[in-house]
Amino acid sequence: MTEQETLIYDRLVDKSIDAFTFAIEIINKSTLRHRSENFVFNMCNAWELILKAQLVKDKGEDAIYYKKNKDRTITLSNCIETIFTDFHNPVKNNLTIIEKLRNKSTHFITPEYDEIYISVFQANVVYYVEHLKKYFSIDLSSKFPSNFLTIAANPKPISDIKMLSKIDKATFNAFLKERKNIMALEGHDGVGVSFEVRLKSVKKNEDLTFRIDPNADLSAQVIKQVMDPSNSHPYRQKDIIALINKEIGDNTINQYSFRAIRYYENIEEFPEYYYFHKQSGSKTYSQKAVNLFLKNIKEQPNYIEIAIKEFKKKVIPGAREF
């Protein structure tokens, strides 16, 4: 970078961290009425500044200005599209939600933001801290107390009936549509958000009426059992490798052979064996998966060798497997 670009870069990084700090301080002040909107404004500012610093570093000062108008710098949307080129990037999906909230906050201000988007906000904080460490070698966890980076304002999920009693029907329907959009992103490695609605069947004087229509714009599904992956899928890859080596013998399986078996058994297609944590990007496995691995290794001769042979047919030479 030139001396001028270094100066711009340093200022952008410093201002970005200031905006991020202000955003965290605001969202954790429970007495503020519109803390979510202010958090979103400042986080968008923090991201825009830090992404522009990244562009200055990688492509030079001209990269943050419009080509036909050197008096104007590009928008946050421009920065996101330039840096996060993968449509399924979870950071990009999360930032898209945050930016949309900022754009609508001027005419769509409701305190219910706190209860609906709190997990989106926390994910955004995590992504910012990770991005700063990865691309700028700045570790905010060493600059702030660990609890500072956690959003303390973490209310219980709001019921739809309670929300409808607080806001008008049009706003309520807008929230339902936004909720559906967020859950759709979750299926594309986007953001992890949970909602809880408790319904009770009554004969008369009901608060709301519902019917299940899978073809409706805002459809519902009945979930009979809520799964906690920390209980149902507690094992990480290294945990399973350690268990198998302890059970059968040292060096029975390693990271590569584990991935080969995972591919050979098509484990990721079976929820009873595999769980992908979309917000953190981690993968965990159930006791059933452990039992399946142990059973096949013990009972089938050359099982691991066969799995590796099939895995090699699939993996592209030189590609990294995560």
Protein backbone atom coordinates (compact mmCIF):
# COMPACT_ATOMS: atom_id res chain seq x y z
CA MET A 1 0.00 0.00 0.00
CA THR A 2 1.05 3.60 -0.57
CA GLU A 3 1.47 5.94 2.36
CA GLN A 4 -1.92 7.49 1.59
CA GLU A 5 -3.60 4.08 1.40
CA THR A 6 -2.01 3.02 4.69
CA LEU A 7 -3.41 6.14 6.33
CA ILE A 8 -6.89 5.48 4.95
CA TYR A 9 -6.67 1.81 5.91
CA ASP A 10 -5.72 2.57 9.52
CA ARG A 11 -8.50 5.13 9.91
CA LEU A 12 -11.11 2.77 8.48
CA VAL A 13 -10.10 -0.04 10.84
CA ASP A 14 -10.06 2.24 13.91
CA LYS A 15 -13.44 3.77 13.08
CA SER A 16 -14.91 0.33 12.40
CA ILE A 17 -13.88 -0.99 15.81
CA ASP A 18 -15.30 2.17 17.44
CA ALA A 19 -18.64 1.63 15.68
CA PHE A 20 -18.65 -2.04 16.70
CA THR A 21 -17.92 -1.14 20.33
CA PHE A 22 -20.72 1.42 20.33
CA ALA A 23 -23.14 -1.14 18.86
CA ILE A 24 -22.43 -3.66 21.65
CA GLU A 25 -22.76 -1.01 24.34
CA ILE A 26 -26.13 0.10 22.94
CA ILE A 27 -27.71 -3.33 22.51
CA ASN A 28 -26.83 -4.20 26.12
CA LYS A 29 -28.52 -1.10 27.55
CA SER A 30 -31.93 -2.49 28.46
CA THR A 31 -33.32 0.96 29.28
CA LEU A 32 -33.02 2.20 25.68
CA ARG A 33 -36.29 1.94 23.76
CA HIS A 34 -34.84 1.55 20.26
CA ARG A 35 -31.59 -0.24 20.97
CA SER A 36 -32.03 -2.78 18.16
CA GLU A 37 -32.29 -0.11 15.49
CA ASN A 38 -29.24 1.69 16.88
CA PHE A 39 -27.33 -1.59 17.08
CA VAL A 40 -28.13 -2.32 13.44
CA PHE A 41 -27.07 1.17 12.30
CA ASN A 42 -23.72 0.92 14.08
CA MET A 43 -23.02 -2.68 13.05
CA CYS A 44 -23.69 -1.82 9.41
CA ASN A 45 -21.29 1.10 9.80
CA ALA A 46 -18.68 -1.15 11.41
CA TRP A 47 -18.95 -3.73 8.61
CA GLU A 48 -18.90 -1.12 5.83
CA LEU A 49 -15.75 0.47 7.23
CA ILE A 50 -13.91 -2.81 7.84
CA LEU A 51 -14.80 -4.21 4.39
CA LYS A 52 -13.63 -0.99 2.76
CA ALA A 53 -10.36 -1.31 4.67
CA GLN A 54 -10.03 -4.82 3.28
CA LEU A 55 -10.63 -3.56 -0.25
CA VAL A 56 -8.04 -0.79 0.16
CA LYS A 57 -5.52 -3.35 1.35
CA ASP A 58 -6.25 -5.88 -1.39
CA LYS A 59 -7.10 -3.68 -4.39
CA GLY A 60 -6.01 -0.16 -3.57
CA GLU A 61 -7.78 3.08 -2.69
CA ASP A 62 -9.71 3.30 -5.97
CA ALA A 63 -11.62 0.11 -5.10
CA ILE A 64 -13.80 1.91 -2.54
CA TYR A 65 -14.94 4.66 -4.94
CA TYR A 66 -17.44 4.53 -7.77
CA LYS A 67 -15.63 4.44 -11.10
CA LYS A 68 -17.74 7.25 -12.57
CA ASN A 69 -17.85 9.34 -9.41
CA LYS A 70 -14.66 9.52 -7.37
CA ASP A 71 -16.40 11.78 -4.83
CA ARG A 72 -18.59 8.90 -3.58
CA THR A 73 -17.53 5.72 -1.87
CA ILE A 74 -19.37 2.46 -2.54
CA THR A 75 -22.18 1.21 -0.30
CA LEU A 76 -22.22 -1.65 2.18
CA SER A 77 -24.11 -3.74 -0.40
CA ASN A 78 -21.33 -3.15 -2.92
CA CYS A 79 -18.73 -4.22 -0.35
CA ILE A 80 -20.64 -7.39 0.55
CA GLU A 81 -21.09 -8.44 -3.08
CA THR A 82 -17.43 -7.74 -3.89
CA ILE A 83 -15.93 -9.61 -0.93
CA PHE A 84 -18.43 -12.40 -0.24
CA THR A 85 -18.90 -13.89 -3.70
CA ASP A 86 -20.37 -17.20 -2.51
CA PHE A 87 -24.17 -16.98 -2.39
CA HIS A 88 -24.30 -19.52 0.46
CA ASN A 89 -21.73 -17.74 2.63
CA PRO A 90 -23.26 -17.55 6.14
CA VAL A 91 -21.62 -14.17 6.83
CA LYS A 92 -23.12 -12.76 3.65
CA ASN A 93 -26.57 -14.11 4.50
CA ASN A 94 -26.40 -12.71 8.02
CA LEU A 95 -25.19 -9.31 6.80
CA THR A 96 -28.00 -9.21 4.24
CA ILE A 97 -30.56 -9.51 7.04
CA ILE A 98 -28.82 -6.86 9.14
CA GLU A 99 -28.65 -4.44 6.21
CA LYS A 100 -32.33 -4.95 5.37
CA LEU A 101 -33.22 -4.19 8.97
CA ARG A 102 -31.25 -0.97 8.79
CA ASN A 103 -32.98 0.07 5.59
CA LYS A 104 -36.47 -0.58 6.94
CA SER A 105 -35.92 0.82 10.44
CA THR A 106 -36.69 4.37 9.38
CA HIS A 107 -40.36 3.48 8.86
CA PHE A 108 -40.72 0.11 10.60
CA ILE A 109 -39.60 0.68 14.16
CA THR A 110 -40.91 -1.78 16.72
CA PRO A 111 -39.44 -2.96 20.04
CA GLU A 112 -40.19 -6.56 19.00
CA TYR A 113 -36.89 -6.52 17.08
CA ASP A 114 -35.16 -7.46 20.32
CA GLU A 115 -37.11 -10.68 20.67
CA ILE A 116 -37.09 -11.78 17.03
CA TYR A 117 -33.61 -10.90 15.82
CA ILE A 118 -31.46 -11.30 18.94
CA SER A 119 -29.77 -14.49 17.69
CA VAL A 120 -29.13 -12.85 14.30
CA PHE A 121 -27.44 -9.96 16.14
CA GLN A 122 -25.28 -12.31 18.22
CA ALA A 123 -24.22 -14.22 15.11
CA ASN A 124 -23.29 -10.93 13.45
CA VAL A 125 -21.09 -10.01 16.42
CA VAL A 126 -19.34 -13.38 16.23
CA TYR A 127 -18.80 -13.03 12.47
CA TYR A 128 -17.34 -9.54 12.88
CA VAL A 129 -14.89 -10.66 15.57
CA GLU A 130 -13.84 -13.67 13.47
CA HIS A 131 -13.47 -11.57 10.31
CA LEU A 132 -11.33 -9.00 12.12
CA LYS A 133 -9.05 -11.72 13.46
CA LYS A 134 -8.79 -13.62 10.17
CA TYR A 135 -8.13 -10.73 7.79
CA PHE A 136 -6.65 -8.06 10.05
CA SER A 137 -4.95 -10.11 12.79
CA ILE A 138 -6.85 -8.13 15.44
CA ASP A 139 -8.15 -10.22 18.32
CA LEU A 140 -10.95 -8.32 20.06
CA SER A 141 -11.26 -11.05 22.68
CA SER A 142 -7.91 -9.90 24.04
CA LYS A 143 -9.02 -6.26 24.08
CA PHE A 144 -12.39 -6.71 25.79
CA PRO A 145 -13.68 -8.90 28.64
CA SER A 146 -15.23 -12.13 27.34
CA ASN A 147 -18.71 -11.13 28.51
CA PHE A 148 -18.54 -7.85 26.57
CA LEU A 149 -18.83 -9.70 23.25
CA THR A 150 -21.99 -11.48 24.40
CA ILE A 151 -25.30 -9.74 23.91
CA ALA A 152 -26.81 -9.68 27.37
CA ALA A 153 -30.25 -8.67 26.15
CA ASN A 154 -31.44 -12.18 25.42
CA PRO A 155 -35.21 -12.28 26.02
CA LYS A 156 -37.36 -15.37 25.94
CA PRO A 157 -38.99 -16.09 22.58
CA ILE A 158 -42.13 -14.01 22.20
CA SER A 159 -45.40 -15.79 21.51
CA ASP A 160 -47.34 -14.82 18.42
CA ILE A 161 -50.43 -14.13 20.50
CA LYS A 162 -48.50 -11.73 22.74
CA MET A 163 -46.98 -10.00 19.73
CA LEU A 164 -50.35 -9.58 18.03
CA SER A 165 -51.68 -7.96 21.17
CA LYS A 166 -48.87 -5.37 21.01
CA ILE A 167 -48.75 -4.51 17.30
CA ASP A 168 -51.17 -4.13 14.40
CA LYS A 169 -52.06 -6.98 12.07
CA ALA A 170 -50.10 -5.60 9.09
CA THR A 171 -46.91 -5.37 11.15
CA PHE A 172 -47.56 -8.84 12.57
CA ASN A 173 -47.87 -10.32 9.07
CA ALA A 174 -44.66 -8.53 8.05
CA PHE A 175 -42.87 -10.22 10.95
CA LEU A 176 -44.22 -13.63 9.92
CA LYS A 177 -42.88 -13.15 6.40
CA GLU A 178 -39.49 -12.01 7.70
CA ARG A 179 -39.42 -14.99 10.03
CA LYS A 180 -40.02 -17.29 7.07
CA ASN A 181 -37.21 -15.60 5.11
CA ILE A 182 -34.77 -16.09 7.99
CA MET A 183 -35.70 -19.76 8.36
CA ALA A 184 -35.24 -20.21 4.60
CA LEU A 185 -31.73 -18.76 4.86
CA GLU A 186 -31.01 -21.21 7.65
CA GLY A 187 -31.41 -23.98 5.10
CA HIS A 188 -28.62 -22.37 3.04
CA ASP A 189 -25.99 -22.20 5.76
CA GLY A 190 -27.34 -18.81 6.75
CA VAL A 191 -28.24 -17.92 10.28
CA GLY A 192 -29.57 -19.96 13.15
CA VAL A 193 -32.72 -18.55 14.70
CA SER A 194 -35.27 -20.30 16.92
CA PHE A 195 -38.88 -19.40 17.51
CA GLU A 196 -41.26 -20.95 19.99
CA VAL A 197 -45.06 -20.73 19.74
CA ARG A 198 -47.33 -22.42 22.28
CA LEU A 199 -50.88 -23.11 21.13
CA LYS A 200 -53.88 -24.31 23.11
CA SER A 201 -57.06 -25.66 21.58
CA VAL A 202 -60.19 -23.92 22.89
CA LYS A 203 -63.86 -24.24 21.96
CA LYS A 204 -64.77 -20.54 21.97
CA ASN A 205 -63.48 -17.02 22.65
CA GLU A 206 -60.22 -17.83 20.88
CA ASP A 207 -57.50 -15.20 20.44
CA LEU A 208 -56.51 -16.39 16.97
CA THR A 209 -57.66 -19.05 14.52
CA PHE A 210 -55.27 -21.22 12.51
CA ARG A 211 -55.43 -23.96 9.94
CA ILE A 212 -52.55 -26.01 8.56
CA ASP A 213 -52.01 -25.43 4.85
CA PRO A 214 -48.62 -26.59 3.49
CA ASN A 215 -49.28 -24.72 0.22
CA ALA A 216 -49.91 -21.34 1.83
CA ASP A 217 -47.45 -18.44 1.59
CA LEU A 218 -46.99 -18.66 5.35
CA SER A 219 -47.36 -22.37 6.02
CA ALA A 220 -46.91 -24.14 9.34
CA GLN A 221 -45.55 -27.54 10.31
CA VAL A 222 -46.36 -29.47 13.44
CA ILE A 223 -43.24 -30.56 15.32
CA LYS A 224 -43.98 -33.27 17.86
CA GLN A 225 -40.54 -33.37 19.40
CA VAL A 226 -37.94 -30.65 19.79
CA MET A 227 -34.38 -31.93 19.42
CA ASP A 228 -31.47 -30.53 21.40
CA PRO A 229 -28.39 -31.38 19.30
CA SER A 230 -26.10 -30.99 22.32
CA ASN A 231 -27.84 -34.07 23.74
CA SER A 232 -28.79 -35.98 20.60
CA HIS A 233 -25.55 -35.38 18.65
CA PRO A 234 -22.83 -34.75 21.25
CA TYR A 235 -19.80 -36.21 19.45
CA ARG A 236 -17.33 -34.24 17.36
CA GLN A 237 -15.09 -35.92 14.77
CA LYS A 238 -12.13 -36.10 17.15
CA ASP A 239 -14.37 -37.57 19.86
CA ILE A 240 -15.46 -40.44 17.61
CA ILE A 241 -11.90 -41.09 16.45
CA ALA A 242 -10.77 -41.31 20.08
CA LEU A 243 -13.65 -43.63 21.01
CA ILE A 244 -13.01 -45.99 18.10
CA ASN A 245 -9.27 -46.14 18.73
CA LYS A 246 -9.89 -46.82 22.41
CA GLU A 247 -12.45 -49.53 21.64
CA ILE A 248 -10.64 -51.33 18.82
CA GLY A 249 -7.02 -50.26 19.08
CA ASP A 250 -4.72 -47.30 18.51
CA ASN A 251 -4.41 -46.02 14.95
CA THR A 252 -7.51 -47.89 13.79
CA ILE A 253 -8.90 -44.69 12.35
CA ASN A 254 -7.64 -41.15 11.67
CA GLN A 255 -9.16 -37.95 10.30
CA TYR A 256 -8.87 -39.01 6.67
CA SER A 257 -10.34 -42.48 7.16
CA PHE A 258 -13.13 -40.96 9.26
CA ARG A 259 -14.07 -38.63 6.40
CA ALA A 260 -13.90 -41.58 4.03
CA ILE A 261 -16.34 -43.59 6.17
CA ARG A 262 -18.61 -40.54 6.51
CA TYR A 263 -18.74 -40.29 2.73
CA TYR A 264 -19.05 -44.05 2.18
CA GLU A 265 -22.03 -44.32 4.54
CA ASN A 266 -23.55 -41.04 3.27
CA ILE A 267 -23.87 -40.02 6.91
CA GLU A 268 -24.79 -36.40 6.20
CA GLU A 269 -28.07 -37.51 4.60
CA PHE A 270 -29.34 -39.03 7.85
CA PRO A 271 -30.40 -36.68 10.69
CA GLU A 272 -30.30 -39.54 13.19
CA TYR A 273 -26.54 -39.76 12.62
CA TYR A 274 -25.45 -36.23 11.73
CA TYR A 275 -26.15 -32.62 12.70
CA PHE A 276 -24.75 -29.48 11.07
CA HIS A 277 -24.65 -26.38 13.28
CA LYS A 278 -25.36 -23.64 10.73
CA GLN A 279 -24.37 -20.72 12.91
CA SER A 280 -20.96 -22.06 13.93
CA GLY A 281 -20.36 -24.31 10.92
CA SER A 282 -19.45 -27.29 13.12
CA LYS A 283 -20.54 -30.90 12.61
CA THR A 284 -21.53 -33.33 15.37
CA TYR A 285 -22.69 -36.93 15.46
CA SER A 286 -25.04 -39.11 17.48
CA GLN A 287 -24.45 -42.26 19.51
CA LYS A 288 -26.15 -44.14 16.65
CA ALA A 289 -23.39 -42.97 14.34
CA VAL A 290 -20.73 -44.15 16.76
CA ASN A 291 -22.44 -47.54 17.02
CA LEU A 292 -22.68 -47.81 13.23
CA PHE A 293 -18.97 -47.07 12.76
CA LEU A 294 -17.92 -49.57 15.45
CA LYS A 295 -20.21 -52.31 14.15
CA ASN A 296 -19.04 -52.02 10.53
CA ILE A 297 -15.34 -51.80 11.41
CA LYS A 298 -15.59 -54.87 13.68
CA GLU A 299 -17.78 -57.01 11.44
CA GLN A 300 -16.72 -56.18 7.89
CA PRO A 301 -13.21 -57.17 6.75
CA ASN A 302 -11.25 -54.35 5.09
CA TYR A 303 -14.15 -51.98 5.78
CA ILE A 304 -11.93 -48.92 6.23
CA GLU A 305 -9.86 -49.73 3.13
CA ILE A 306 -13.05 -50.08 1.04
CA ALA A 307 -14.39 -46.77 2.34
CA ILE A 308 -11.11 -45.00 1.54
CA LYS A 309 -11.05 -46.50 -1.96
CA GLU A 310 -14.56 -45.18 -2.68
CA PHE A 311 -13.73 -41.83 -1.10
CA LYS A 312 -10.69 -41.38 -3.35
CA LYS A 313 -12.92 -41.75 -6.40
CA LYS A 314 -14.96 -38.78 -5.24
CA VAL A 315 -12.38 -36.36 -3.87
CA ILE A 316 -10.79 -34.05 -6.45
CA PRO A 317 -6.97 -34.15 -6.24
CA GLY A 318 -5.62 -31.08 -4.47
CA ALA A 319 -8.97 -30.06 -2.96
CA ARG A 320 -9.26 -29.43 0.74
CA GLU A 321 -11.76 -31.50 2.66
CA PHE A 322 -13.26 -29.97 5.82
